[in-house]
PDB file of all heavy atoms in Angstrom:
ATOM      1  N   ALA A   1      22.890  28.496  93.382  1.00  0.00           N
ATOM      2  CA  ALA A   1      21.784  29.322  92.869  1.00  0.00           C
ATOM      3  C   ALA A   1      20.547  29.073  93.721  1.00  0.00           C
ATOM      4  O   ALA A   1      19.792  29.989  94.049  1.00  0.00           O
ATOM      5  CB  ALA A   1      21.528  29.066  91.410  1.00  0.00           C
ATOM      6  N   LYS A   2      20.290  27.808  94.009  1.00  0.00           N
ATOM      7  CA  LYS A   2      19.101  27.448  94.778  1.00  0.00           C
ATOM      8  C   LYS A   2      19.136  28.024  96.197  1.00  0.00           C
ATOM      9  O   LYS A   2      18.149  28.503  96.705  1.00  0.00           O
ATOM     10  CB  LYS A   2      18.967  25.942  94.859  1.00  0.00           C
ATOM     11  CG  LYS A   2      17.760  25.431  95.635  1.00  0.00           C
ATOM     12  CD  LYS A   2      17.665  23.949  95.630  1.00  0.00           C
ATOM     13  CE  LYS A   2      16.441  23.470  96.409  1.00  0.00           C
ATOM     14  NZ  LYS A   2      16.377  21.951  96.382  1.00  0.00           N
ATOM     15  N   LEU A   3      20.324  28.058  96.788  1.00  0.00           N
ATOM     16  CA  LEU A   3      20.474  28.536  98.211  1.00  0.00           C
ATOM     17  C   LEU A   3      20.835  30.018  98.239  1.00  0.00           C
ATOM     18  O   LEU A   3      20.964  30.573  99.337  1.00  0.00           O
ATOM     19  CB  LEU A   3      21.569  27.726  98.917  1.00  0.00           C
ATOM     20  CG  LEU A   3      21.290  26.229  99.065  1.00  0.00           C
ATOM     21  CD1 LEU A   3      22.428  25.618  99.851  1.00  0.00           C
ATOM     22  CD2 LEU A   3      19.968  25.969  99.754  1.00  0.00           C
ATOM     23  N   ASP A   4      20.991  30.635  97.046  1.00  0.00           N
ATOM     24  CA  ASP A   4      21.313  32.061  96.928  1.00  0.00           C
ATOM     25  C   ASP A   4      22.655  32.390  97.646  1.00  0.00           C
ATOM     26  O   ASP A   4      22.769  33.344  98.391  1.00  0.00           O
ATOM     27  CB  ASP A   4      20.170  32.960  97.509  1.00  0.00           C
ATOM     28  CG  ASP A   4      20.397  34.414  97.090  1.00  0.00           C
ATOM     29  OD1 ASP A   4      21.014  34.663  96.073  1.00  0.00           O
ATOM     30  OD2 ASP A   4      19.845  35.310  97.849  1.00  0.00           O
ATOM     31  N   VAL A   5      23.633  31.515  97.360  1.00  0.00           N
ATOM     32  CA  VAL A   5      24.992  31.746  97.855  1.00  0.00           C
ATOM     33  C   VAL A   5      25.956  31.565  96.678  1.00  0.00           C
ATOM     34  O   VAL A   5      25.519  31.295  95.566  1.00  0.00           O
ATOM     35  CB  VAL A   5      25.361  30.743  99.003  1.00  0.00           C
ATOM     36  CG1 VAL A   5      24.444  30.986 100.214  1.00  0.00           C
ATOM     37  CG2 VAL A   5      25.305  29.276  98.531  1.00  0.00           C
ATOM     38  N   LYS A   6      27.229  31.675  96.915  1.00  0.00           N
ATOM     39  CA  LYS A   6      28.222  31.603  95.843  1.00  0.00           C
ATOM     40  C   LYS A   6      28.723  30.162  95.713  1.00  0.00           C
ATOM     41  O   LYS A   6      28.792  29.423  96.682  1.00  0.00           O
ATOM     42  CB  LYS A   6      29.341  32.556  96.098  1.00  0.00           C
ATOM     43  CG  LYS A   6      28.919  34.027  96.080  1.00  0.00           C
ATOM     44  CD  LYS A   6      30.095  34.947  96.311  1.00  0.00           C
ATOM     45  CE  LYS A   6      29.633  36.414  96.235  1.00  0.00           C
ATOM     46  NZ  LYS A   6      30.770  37.354  96.549  1.00  0.00           N
ATOM     47  N   PRO A   7      29.116  29.758  94.482  1.00  0.00           N
ATOM     48  CA  PRO A   7      29.660  28.428  94.319  1.00  0.00           C
ATOM     49  C   PRO A   7      30.803  28.105  95.240  1.00  0.00           C
ATOM     50  O   PRO A   7      30.909  26.944  95.757  1.00  0.00           O
ATOM     51  CB  PRO A   7      30.112  28.412  92.841  1.00  0.00           C
ATOM     52  CG  PRO A   7      29.151  29.349  92.193  1.00  0.00           C
ATOM     53  CD  PRO A   7      28.952  30.478  93.225  1.00  0.00           C
ATOM     54  N   ALA A   8      31.674  29.064  95.456  1.00  0.00           N
ATOM     55  CA  ALA A   8      32.812  28.807  96.343  1.00  0.00           C
ATOM     56  C   ALA A   8      32.357  28.474  97.741  1.00  0.00           C
ATOM     57  O   ALA A   8      32.989  27.647  98.440  1.00  0.00           O
ATOM     58  CB  ALA A   8      33.723  30.045  96.406  1.00  0.00           C
ATOM     59  N   GLN A   9      31.268  29.025  98.197  1.00  0.00           N
ATOM     60  CA  GLN A   9      30.733  28.728  99.512  1.00  0.00           C
ATOM     61  C   GLN A   9      30.192  27.329  99.598  1.00  0.00           C
ATOM     62  O   GLN A   9      30.332  26.650 100.629  1.00  0.00           O
ATOM     63  CB  GLN A   9      29.693  29.746  99.900  1.00  0.00           C
ATOM     64  CG  GLN A   9      30.245  31.173 100.079  1.00  0.00           C
ATOM     65  CD  GLN A   9      29.138  32.184 100.348  1.00  0.00           C
ATOM     66  OE1 GLN A   9      28.292  32.452  99.464  1.00  0.00           O
ATOM     67  NE2 GLN A   9      29.137  32.768 101.529  1.00  0.00           N
ATOM     68  N   ILE A  10      29.553  26.856  98.545  1.00  0.00           N
ATOM     69  CA  ILE A  10      29.078  25.490  98.509  1.00  0.00           C
ATOM     70  C   ILE A  10      30.253  24.495  98.535  1.00  0.00           C
ATOM     71  O   ILE A  10      30.240  23.530  99.307  1.00  0.00           O
ATOM     72  CB  ILE A  10      28.195  25.238  97.259  1.00  0.00           C
ATOM     73  CG1 ILE A  10      26.913  26.075  97.327  1.00  0.00           C
ATOM     74  CG2 ILE A  10      27.908  23.769  97.143  1.00  0.00           C
ATOM     75  CD1 ILE A  10      26.021  25.744  98.460  1.00  0.00           C
ATOM     76  N   ALA A  11      31.285  24.768  97.770  1.00  0.00           N
ATOM     77  CA  ALA A  11      32.453  23.919  97.734  1.00  0.00           C
ATOM     78  C   ALA A  11      33.081  23.825  99.113  1.00  0.00           C
ATOM     79  O   ALA A  11      33.477  22.746  99.563  1.00  0.00           O
ATOM     80  CB  ALA A  11      33.428  24.447  96.682  1.00  0.00           C
ATOM     81  N   LEU A  12      33.184  24.936  99.766  1.00  0.00           N
ATOM     82  CA  LEU A  12      33.813  24.968 101.118  1.00  0.00           C
ATOM     83  C   LEU A  12      32.913  24.322 102.159  1.00  0.00           C
ATOM     84  O   LEU A  12      33.409  23.564 103.030  1.00  0.00           O
ATOM     85  CB  LEU A  12      34.155  26.394 101.529  1.00  0.00           C
ATOM     86  CG  LEU A  12      34.964  26.616 102.770  1.00  0.00           C
ATOM     87  CD1 LEU A  12      36.260  25.801 102.717  1.00  0.00           C
ATOM     88  CD2 LEU A  12      35.251  28.083 102.991  1.00  0.00           C
ATOM     89  N   ALA A  13      31.632  24.559 102.033  1.00  0.00           N
ATOM     90  CA  ALA A  13      30.666  23.919 102.992  1.00  0.00           C
ATOM     91  C   ALA A  13      30.717  22.432 102.891  1.00  0.00           C
ATOM     92  O   ALA A  13      30.621  21.724 103.881  1.00  0.00           O
ATOM     93  CB  ALA A  13      29.274  24.425 102.741  1.00  0.00           C
ATOM     94  N   TRP A  14      30.897  21.943 101.665  1.00  0.00           N
ATOM     95  CA  TRP A  14      31.033  20.483 101.477  1.00  0.00           C
ATOM     96  C   TRP A  14      32.230  19.917 102.194  1.00  0.00           C
ATOM     97  O   TRP A  14      32.141  18.939 102.889  1.00  0.00           O
ATOM     98  CB  TRP A  14      31.096  20.126  99.976  1.00  0.00           C
ATOM     99  CG  TRP A  14      31.266  18.678  99.751  1.00  0.00           C
ATOM    100  CD1 TRP A  14      30.279  17.744  99.661  1.00  0.00           C
ATOM    101  CD2 TRP A  14      32.496  17.993  99.533  1.00  0.00           C
ATOM    102  NE1 TRP A  14      30.869  16.471  99.453  1.00  0.00           N
ATOM    103  CE2 TRP A  14      32.251  16.654  99.373  1.00  0.00           C
ATOM    104  CE3 TRP A  14      33.848  18.396  99.492  1.00  0.00           C
ATOM    105  CZ2 TRP A  14      33.235  15.685  99.159  1.00  0.00           C
ATOM    106  CZ3 TRP A  14      34.849  17.483  99.285  1.00  0.00           C
ATOM    107  CH2 TRP A  14      34.539  16.139  99.117  1.00  0.00           C
ATOM    108  N   VAL A  15      33.362  20.581 102.030  1.00  0.00           N
ATOM    109  CA  VAL A  15      34.580  20.151 102.748  1.00  0.00           C
ATOM    110  C   VAL A  15      34.392  20.157 104.227  1.00  0.00           C
ATOM    111  O   VAL A  15      34.757  19.189 104.954  1.00  0.00           O
ATOM    112  CB  VAL A  15      35.806  21.017 102.350  1.00  0.00           C
ATOM    113  CG1 VAL A  15      37.033  20.708 103.162  1.00  0.00           C
ATOM    114  CG2 VAL A  15      36.145  20.819 100.860  1.00  0.00           C
ATOM    115  N   LEU A  16      33.796  21.217 104.720  1.00  0.00           N
ATOM    116  CA  LEU A  16      33.567  21.306 106.178  1.00  0.00           C
ATOM    117  C   LEU A  16      32.609  20.226 106.698  1.00  0.00           C
ATOM    118  O   LEU A  16      32.709  19.893 107.888  1.00  0.00           O
ATOM    119  CB  LEU A  16      33.027  22.719 106.530  1.00  0.00           C
ATOM    120  CG  LEU A  16      33.989  23.897 106.363  1.00  0.00           C
ATOM    121  CD1 LEU A  16      33.248  25.201 106.344  1.00  0.00           C
ATOM    122  CD2 LEU A  16      34.997  23.847 107.523  1.00  0.00           C
ATOM    123  N   ALA A  17      31.792  19.696 105.831  1.00  0.00           N
ATOM    124  CA  ALA A  17      30.811  18.700 106.237  1.00  0.00           C
ATOM    125  C   ALA A  17      31.443  17.295 106.232  1.00  0.00           C
ATOM    126  O   ALA A  17      30.827  16.337 106.682  1.00  0.00           O
ATOM    127  CB  ALA A  17      29.594  18.686 105.307  1.00  0.00           C
ATOM    128  N   LYS A  18      32.693  17.173 105.790  1.00  0.00           N
ATOM    129  CA  LYS A  18      33.336  15.878 105.590  1.00  0.00           C
ATOM    130  C   LYS A  18      34.289  15.499 106.709  1.00  0.00           C
ATOM    131  O   LYS A  18      35.158  14.636 106.541  1.00  0.00           O
ATOM    132  CB  LYS A  18      34.027  15.821 104.251  1.00  0.00           C
ATOM    133  CG  LYS A  18      33.142  16.123 103.025  1.00  0.00           C
ATOM    134  CD  LYS A  18      32.049  15.082 102.869  1.00  0.00           C
ATOM    135  CE  LYS A  18      32.591  13.777 102.330  1.00  0.00           C
ATOM    136  NZ  LYS A  18      31.504  12.799 102.003  1.00  0.00           N
ATOM    137  N   GLY A  19      34.103  16.099 107.875  1.00  0.00           N
ATOM    138  CA  GLY A  19      34.990  15.718 108.995  1.00  0.00           C
ATOM    139  C   GLY A  19      36.370  16.335 109.015  1.00  0.00           C
ATOM    140  O   GLY A  19      37.258  15.854 109.699  1.00  0.00           O
ATOM    141  N   ILE A  20      36.536  17.366 108.223  1.00  0.00           N
ATOM    142  CA  ILE A  20      37.791  18.055 108.093  1.00  0.00           C
ATOM    143  C   ILE A  20      38.023  18.970 109.292  1.00  0.00           C
ATOM    144  O   ILE A  20      37.095  19.618 109.748  1.00  0.00           O
ATOM    145  CB  ILE A  20      37.867  18.845 106.762  1.00  0.00           C
ATOM    146  CG1 ILE A  20      37.746  17.889 105.567  1.00  0.00           C
ATOM    147  CG2 ILE A  20      39.082  19.686 106.684  1.00  0.00           C
ATOM    148  CD1 ILE A  20      38.813  16.821 105.501  1.00  0.00           C
ATOM    149  N   THR A  21      39.259  19.076 109.762  1.00  0.00           N
ATOM    150  CA  THR A  21      39.560  19.883 110.920  1.00  0.00           C
ATOM    151  C   THR A  21      39.450  21.435 110.546  1.00  0.00           C
ATOM    152  O   THR A  21      38.650  22.189 111.137  1.00  0.00           O
ATOM    153  CB  THR A  21      40.960  19.630 111.479  1.00  0.00           C
ATOM    154  OG1 THR A  21      41.059  18.243 111.731  1.00  0.00           O
ATOM    155  CG2 THR A  21      41.202  20.445 112.729  1.00  0.00           C
ATOM    156  N   SER A  22      40.268  21.808 109.578  1.00  0.00           N
ATOM    157  CA  SER A  22      40.340  23.252 109.225  1.00  0.00           C
ATOM    158  C   SER A  22      40.908  23.409 107.812  1.00  0.00           C
ATOM    159  O   SER A  22      42.133  23.366 107.644  1.00  0.00           O
ATOM    160  CB  SER A  22      41.249  23.993 110.249  1.00  0.00           C
ATOM    161  OG  SER A  22      41.313  25.366 109.959  1.00  0.00           O
ATOM    162  N   PRO A  23      40.076  23.541 106.797  1.00  0.00           N
ATOM    163  CA  PRO A  23      40.590  23.734 105.422  1.00  0.00           C
ATOM    164  C   PRO A  23      41.319  25.053 105.266  1.00  0.00           C
ATOM    165  O   PRO A  23      40.999  26.033 105.940  1.00  0.00           O
ATOM    166  CB  PRO A  23      39.304  23.679 104.590  1.00  0.00           C
ATOM    167  CG  PRO A  23      38.193  24.099 105.500  1.00  0.00           C
ATOM    168  CD  PRO A  23      38.603  23.592 106.846  1.00  0.00           C
ATOM    169  N   ILE A  24      42.297  25.049 104.403  1.00  0.00           N
ATOM    170  CA  ILE A  24      43.125  26.252 104.142  1.00  0.00           C
ATOM    171  C   ILE A  24      42.450  27.046 103.049  1.00  0.00           C
ATOM    172  O   ILE A  24      42.251  26.545 101.943  1.00  0.00           O
ATOM    173  CB  ILE A  24      44.557  25.844 103.737  1.00  0.00           C
ATOM    174  CG1 ILE A  24      45.206  25.077 104.908  1.00  0.00           C
ATOM    175  CG2 ILE A  24      45.387  27.083 103.405  1.00  0.00           C
ATOM    176  CD1 ILE A  24      46.518  24.457 104.513  1.00  0.00           C
ATOM    177  N   ILE A  25      42.183  28.268 103.335  1.00  0.00           N
ATOM    178  CA  ILE A  25      41.539  29.157 102.344  1.00  0.00           C
ATOM    179  C   ILE A  25      42.497  30.233 101.896  1.00  0.00           C
ATOM    180  O   ILE A  25      43.405  30.651 102.626  1.00  0.00           O
ATOM    181  CB  ILE A  25      40.255  29.822 102.914  1.00  0.00           C
ATOM    182  CG1 ILE A  25      40.623  30.680 104.129  1.00  0.00           C
ATOM    183  CG2 ILE A  25      39.218  28.763 103.255  1.00  0.00           C
ATOM    184  CD1 ILE A  25      39.525  31.649 104.554  1.00  0.00           C
ATOM    185  N   GLY A  26      42.329  30.726 100.676  1.00  0.00           N
ATOM    186  CA  GLY A  26      43.106  31.810 100.179  1.00  0.00           C
ATOM    187  C   GLY A  26      42.203  33.057  99.961  1.00  0.00           C
ATOM    188  O   GLY A  26      41.011  32.889  99.769  1.00  0.00           O
TER     189      GLY A  26
END
């Protein structure tokens, strides 16, 4: 809400920030 994006985007951005190569999305 603070960044005016969707919760799913925050969750995915967190994973991408953790040194992950390529998370699998559906």
